[in-house]
């Protein structure tokens, strides 16, 4: 069982930045995937960014160029830095993990069903 706890959300003005964190309970696997997803009110969940155990990252077009996902193995913590925030980034952001991640394409790693473990979410609100 993997437990995930997100933090770092909040209210910011458009153009600002946030860094979200996701602390994972300790586990060691050779291959894993970790991702960030978001769900805005009345919309479907969207894969935002993901990273796998070899350090490869993938981003949704909506955040490409503005977001950076990273993973600190020593702290077992996933991060998402988003710059130049837009009102359209307003959503609940969820961290997800799959400790035994199969080989996936950059698009597949952004698919929610890939992941077995999910955090409770952290709210990001961007005002114009």
C-alpha atoms as a PDB file:
ATOM      1  CA  UNK A   1       0.000   0.000   0.000  1.00  0.00           C
ATOM      2  CA  UNK A   2       1.333   3.430  -0.963  1.00  0.00           C
ATOM      3  CA  UNK A   3       0.094   6.543   0.770  1.00  0.00           C
ATOM      4  CA  UNK A   4       0.346   9.904  -0.958  1.00  0.00           C
ATOM      5  CA  UNK A   5      -0.047  13.303   0.658  1.00  0.00           C
ATOM      6  CA  UNK A   6      -0.185  16.444  -1.473  1.00  0.00           C
ATOM      7  CA  UNK A   7       0.611  19.957  -0.322  1.00  0.00           C
ATOM      8  CA  UNK A   8       1.430  23.351  -1.758  1.00  0.00           C
ATOM      9  CA  UNK A   9      -1.879  24.367  -3.248  1.00  0.00           C
ATOM     10  CA  UNK A  10      -3.410  27.750  -2.651  1.00  0.00           C
ATOM     11  CA  UNK A  11      -4.800  30.887  -4.198  1.00  0.00           C
ATOM     12  CA  UNK A  12      -2.625  32.911  -6.531  1.00  0.00           C
ATOM     13  CA  UNK A  13      -3.081  35.591  -9.125  1.00  0.00           C
ATOM     14  CA  UNK A  14      -2.653  34.911 -12.796  1.00  0.00           C
ATOM     15  CA  UNK A  15       0.981  34.990 -13.762  1.00  0.00           C
ATOM     16  CA  UNK A  16       2.110  33.630 -10.424  1.00  0.00           C
ATOM     17  CA  UNK A  17       3.756  30.326  -9.599  1.00  0.00           C
ATOM     18  CA  UNK A  18       3.167  27.384  -7.313  1.00  0.00           C
ATOM     19  CA  UNK A  19       5.099  24.301  -6.374  1.00  0.00           C
ATOM     20  CA  UNK A  20       3.039  21.304  -5.418  1.00  0.00           C
ATOM     21  CA  UNK A  21       4.539  18.482  -3.398  1.00  0.00           C
ATOM     22  CA  UNK A  22       3.482  14.868  -3.009  1.00  0.00           C
ATOM     23  CA  UNK A  23       5.079  12.861  -0.230  1.00  0.00           C
ATOM     24  CA  UNK A  24       4.908   9.116  -0.771  1.00  0.00           C
ATOM     25  CA  UNK A  25       5.191   6.438   1.855  1.00  0.00           C
ATOM     26  CA  UNK A  26       8.420   4.541   1.487  1.00  0.00           C
ATOM     27  CA  UNK A  27       8.613   1.919  -1.198  1.00  0.00           C
ATOM     28  CA  UNK A  28      11.396   0.749  -3.439  1.00  0.00           C
ATOM     29  CA  UNK A  29      10.699  -0.563  -6.876  1.00  0.00           C
ATOM     30  CA  UNK A  30      12.861  -0.595  -9.915  1.00  0.00           C
ATOM     31  CA  UNK A  31      10.222   0.863 -12.150  1.00  0.00           C
ATOM     32  CA  UNK A  32       7.569   3.316 -11.075  1.00  0.00           C
ATOM     33  CA  UNK A  33       5.441   6.059 -12.509  1.00  0.00           C
ATOM     34  CA  UNK A  34       4.212   9.087 -10.625  1.00  0.00           C
ATOM     35  CA  UNK A  35       1.901  11.695 -11.986  1.00  0.00           C
ATOM     36  CA  UNK A  36      -0.103  14.823 -11.373  1.00  0.00           C
ATOM     37  CA  UNK A  37      -3.716  15.035 -12.387  1.00  0.00           C
ATOM     38  CA  UNK A  38      -6.278  17.772 -11.999  1.00  0.00           C
ATOM     39  CA  UNK A  39     -10.003  18.071 -12.067  1.00  0.00           C
ATOM     40  CA  UNK A  40     -11.788  21.363 -12.443  1.00  0.00           C
ATOM     41  CA  UNK A  41     -15.358  21.787 -11.347  1.00  0.00           C
ATOM     42  CA  UNK A  42     -17.678  20.213 -13.877  1.00  0.00           C
ATOM     43  CA  UNK A  43     -14.835  18.815 -15.987  1.00  0.00           C
ATOM     44  CA  UNK A  44     -13.199  15.453 -16.410  1.00  0.00           C
ATOM     45  CA  UNK A  45      -9.938  14.578 -14.741  1.00  0.00           C
ATOM     46  CA  UNK A  46      -6.910  15.546 -16.810  1.00  0.00           C
ATOM     47  CA  UNK A  47      -3.381  14.211 -16.711  1.00  0.00           C
ATOM     48  CA  UNK A  48      -1.054  17.170 -16.213  1.00  0.00           C
ATOM     49  CA  UNK A  49       2.460  15.803 -15.820  1.00  0.00           C
ATOM     50  CA  UNK A  50       4.183  12.546 -15.035  1.00  0.00           C
ATOM     51  CA  UNK A  51       7.609  11.103 -14.450  1.00  0.00           C
ATOM     52  CA  UNK A  52       8.932   7.571 -14.457  1.00  0.00           C
ATOM     53  CA  UNK A  53      11.838   5.849 -12.758  1.00  0.00           C
ATOM     54  CA  UNK A  54      14.312   6.663 -15.514  1.00  0.00           C
ATOM     55  CA  UNK A  55      13.522  10.358 -15.141  1.00  0.00           C
ATOM     56  CA  UNK A  56      11.509  10.756 -18.315  1.00  0.00           C
ATOM     57  CA  UNK A  57       8.746  13.319 -18.057  1.00  0.00           C
ATOM     58  CA  UNK A  58       5.571  13.944 -19.970  1.00  0.00           C
ATOM     59  CA  UNK A  59       3.281  16.957 -19.941  1.00  0.00           C
ATOM     60  CA  UNK A  60      -0.170  17.845 -21.103  1.00  0.00           C
ATOM     61  CA  UNK A  61      -0.245  20.401 -23.902  1.00  0.00           C
ATOM     62  CA  UNK A  62      -2.124  22.748 -21.583  1.00  0.00           C
ATOM     63  CA  UNK A  63       0.907  23.117 -19.269  1.00  0.00           C
ATOM     64  CA  UNK A  64       3.803  22.336 -21.586  1.00  0.00           C
ATOM     65  CA  UNK A  65       6.459  25.009 -21.223  1.00  0.00           C
ATOM     66  CA  UNK A  66       4.999  26.208 -17.916  1.00  0.00           C
ATOM     67  CA  UNK A  67       5.258  23.108 -15.739  1.00  0.00           C
ATOM     68  CA  UNK A  68       8.120  20.983 -14.478  1.00  0.00           C
ATOM     69  CA  UNK A  69       7.704  17.647 -12.728  1.00  0.00           C
ATOM     70  CA  UNK A  70      10.528  16.246 -10.642  1.00  0.00           C
ATOM     71  CA  UNK A  71      11.097  13.470  -8.143  1.00  0.00           C
ATOM     72  CA  UNK A  72      13.422  13.505  -5.160  1.00  0.00           C
ATOM     73  CA  UNK A  73      14.247   9.850  -4.561  1.00  0.00           C
ATOM     74  CA  UNK A  74      15.866  10.487  -1.190  1.00  0.00           C
ATOM     75  CA  UNK A  75      12.675  12.106   0.098  1.00  0.00           C
ATOM     76  CA  UNK A  76      10.376   9.991  -2.071  1.00  0.00           C
ATOM     77  CA  UNK A  77       8.582  13.186  -2.973  1.00  0.00           C
ATOM     78  CA  UNK A  78       7.116  14.254  -6.276  1.00  0.00           C
ATOM     79  CA  UNK A  79       6.990  17.917  -7.197  1.00  0.00           C
ATOM     80  CA  UNK A  80       5.147  19.987  -9.757  1.00  0.00           C
ATOM     81  CA  UNK A  81       6.295  23.507 -10.435  1.00  0.00           C
ATOM     82  CA  UNK A  82       3.834  25.550 -12.490  1.00  0.00           C
ATOM     83  CA  UNK A  83       4.753  29.020 -13.650  1.00  0.00           C
ATOM     84  CA  UNK A  84       2.721  31.705 -15.354  1.00  0.00           C
ATOM     85  CA  UNK A  85      -0.476  30.311 -13.861  1.00  0.00           C
ATOM     86  CA  UNK A  86      -3.715  30.955 -15.695  1.00  0.00           C
ATOM     87  CA  UNK A  87      -7.305  30.976 -14.401  1.00  0.00           C
ATOM     88  CA  UNK A  88      -7.800  27.821 -16.465  1.00  0.00           C
ATOM     89  CA  UNK A  89      -5.333  26.061 -14.134  1.00  0.00           C
ATOM     90  CA  UNK A  90      -7.855  26.309 -11.310  1.00  0.00           C
ATOM     91  CA  UNK A  91      -8.611  22.765 -10.173  1.00  0.00           C
ATOM     92  CA  UNK A  92      -8.069  20.150  -7.532  1.00  0.00           C
ATOM     93  CA  UNK A  93      -4.668  18.629  -8.138  1.00  0.00           C
ATOM     94  CA  UNK A  94      -4.057  14.980  -7.344  1.00  0.00           C
ATOM     95  CA  UNK A  95      -0.886  12.994  -7.079  1.00  0.00           C
ATOM     96  CA  UNK A  96      -0.874   9.397  -8.271  1.00  0.00           C
ATOM     97  CA  UNK A  97       1.633   6.566  -8.118  1.00  0.00           C
ATOM     98  CA  UNK A  98       2.099   3.188  -9.722  1.00  0.00           C
ATOM     99  CA  UNK A  99       5.048   1.355  -8.136  1.00  0.00           C
ATOM    100  CA  UNK A 100       5.159  -1.379 -10.772  1.00  0.00           C
ATOM    101  CA  UNK A 101       4.829   0.674 -13.913  1.00  0.00           C
ATOM    102  CA  UNK A 102       4.896  -1.148 -17.259  1.00  0.00           C
ATOM    103  CA  UNK A 103       6.606   0.384 -20.269  1.00  0.00           C
ATOM    104  CA  UNK A 104       4.367   3.212 -21.415  1.00  0.00           C
ATOM    105  CA  UNK A 105       4.381   5.924 -24.021  1.00  0.00           C
ATOM    106  CA  UNK A 106       4.500   9.639 -23.101  1.00  0.00           C
ATOM    107  CA  UNK A 107       0.739   9.768 -23.654  1.00  0.00           C
ATOM    108  CA  UNK A 108      -0.055   6.589 -21.742  1.00  0.00           C
ATOM    109  CA  UNK A 109       1.752   7.795 -18.628  1.00  0.00           C
ATOM    110  CA  UNK A 110      -0.803  10.595 -18.391  1.00  0.00           C
ATOM    111  CA  UNK A 111      -3.725   8.170 -18.249  1.00  0.00           C
ATOM    112  CA  UNK A 112      -5.385   7.913 -14.864  1.00  0.00           C
ATOM    113  CA  UNK A 113      -6.245   4.183 -15.001  1.00  0.00           C
ATOM    114  CA  UNK A 114      -2.509   3.411 -15.087  1.00  0.00           C
ATOM    115  CA  UNK A 115      -2.237   4.374 -11.429  1.00  0.00           C
ATOM    116  CA  UNK A 116      -3.370   2.376  -8.421  1.00  0.00           C
ATOM    117  CA  UNK A 117      -2.635   4.876  -5.675  1.00  0.00           C
ATOM    118  CA  UNK A 118      -4.004   8.382  -5.313  1.00  0.00           C
ATOM    119  CA  UNK A 119      -3.701  11.228  -2.862  1.00  0.00           C
ATOM    120  CA  UNK A 120      -6.542  13.306  -1.467  1.00  0.00           C
ATOM    121  CA  UNK A 121      -5.743  16.345  -3.562  1.00  0.00           C
ATOM    122  CA  UNK A 122      -4.736  19.953  -3.058  1.00  0.00           C
ATOM    123  CA  UNK A 123      -6.747  22.884  -4.394  1.00  0.00           C
ATOM    124  CA  UNK A 124      -5.223  25.445  -6.739  1.00  0.00           C
ATOM    125  CA  UNK A 125      -7.199  28.595  -7.450  1.00  0.00           C
ATOM    126  CA  UNK A 126      -5.935  31.179  -9.912  1.00  0.00           C
ATOM    127  CA  UNK A 127      -7.637  34.546 -10.079  1.00  0.00           C
ATOM    128  CA  UNK A 128      -7.472  36.924 -13.003  1.00  0.00           C
END
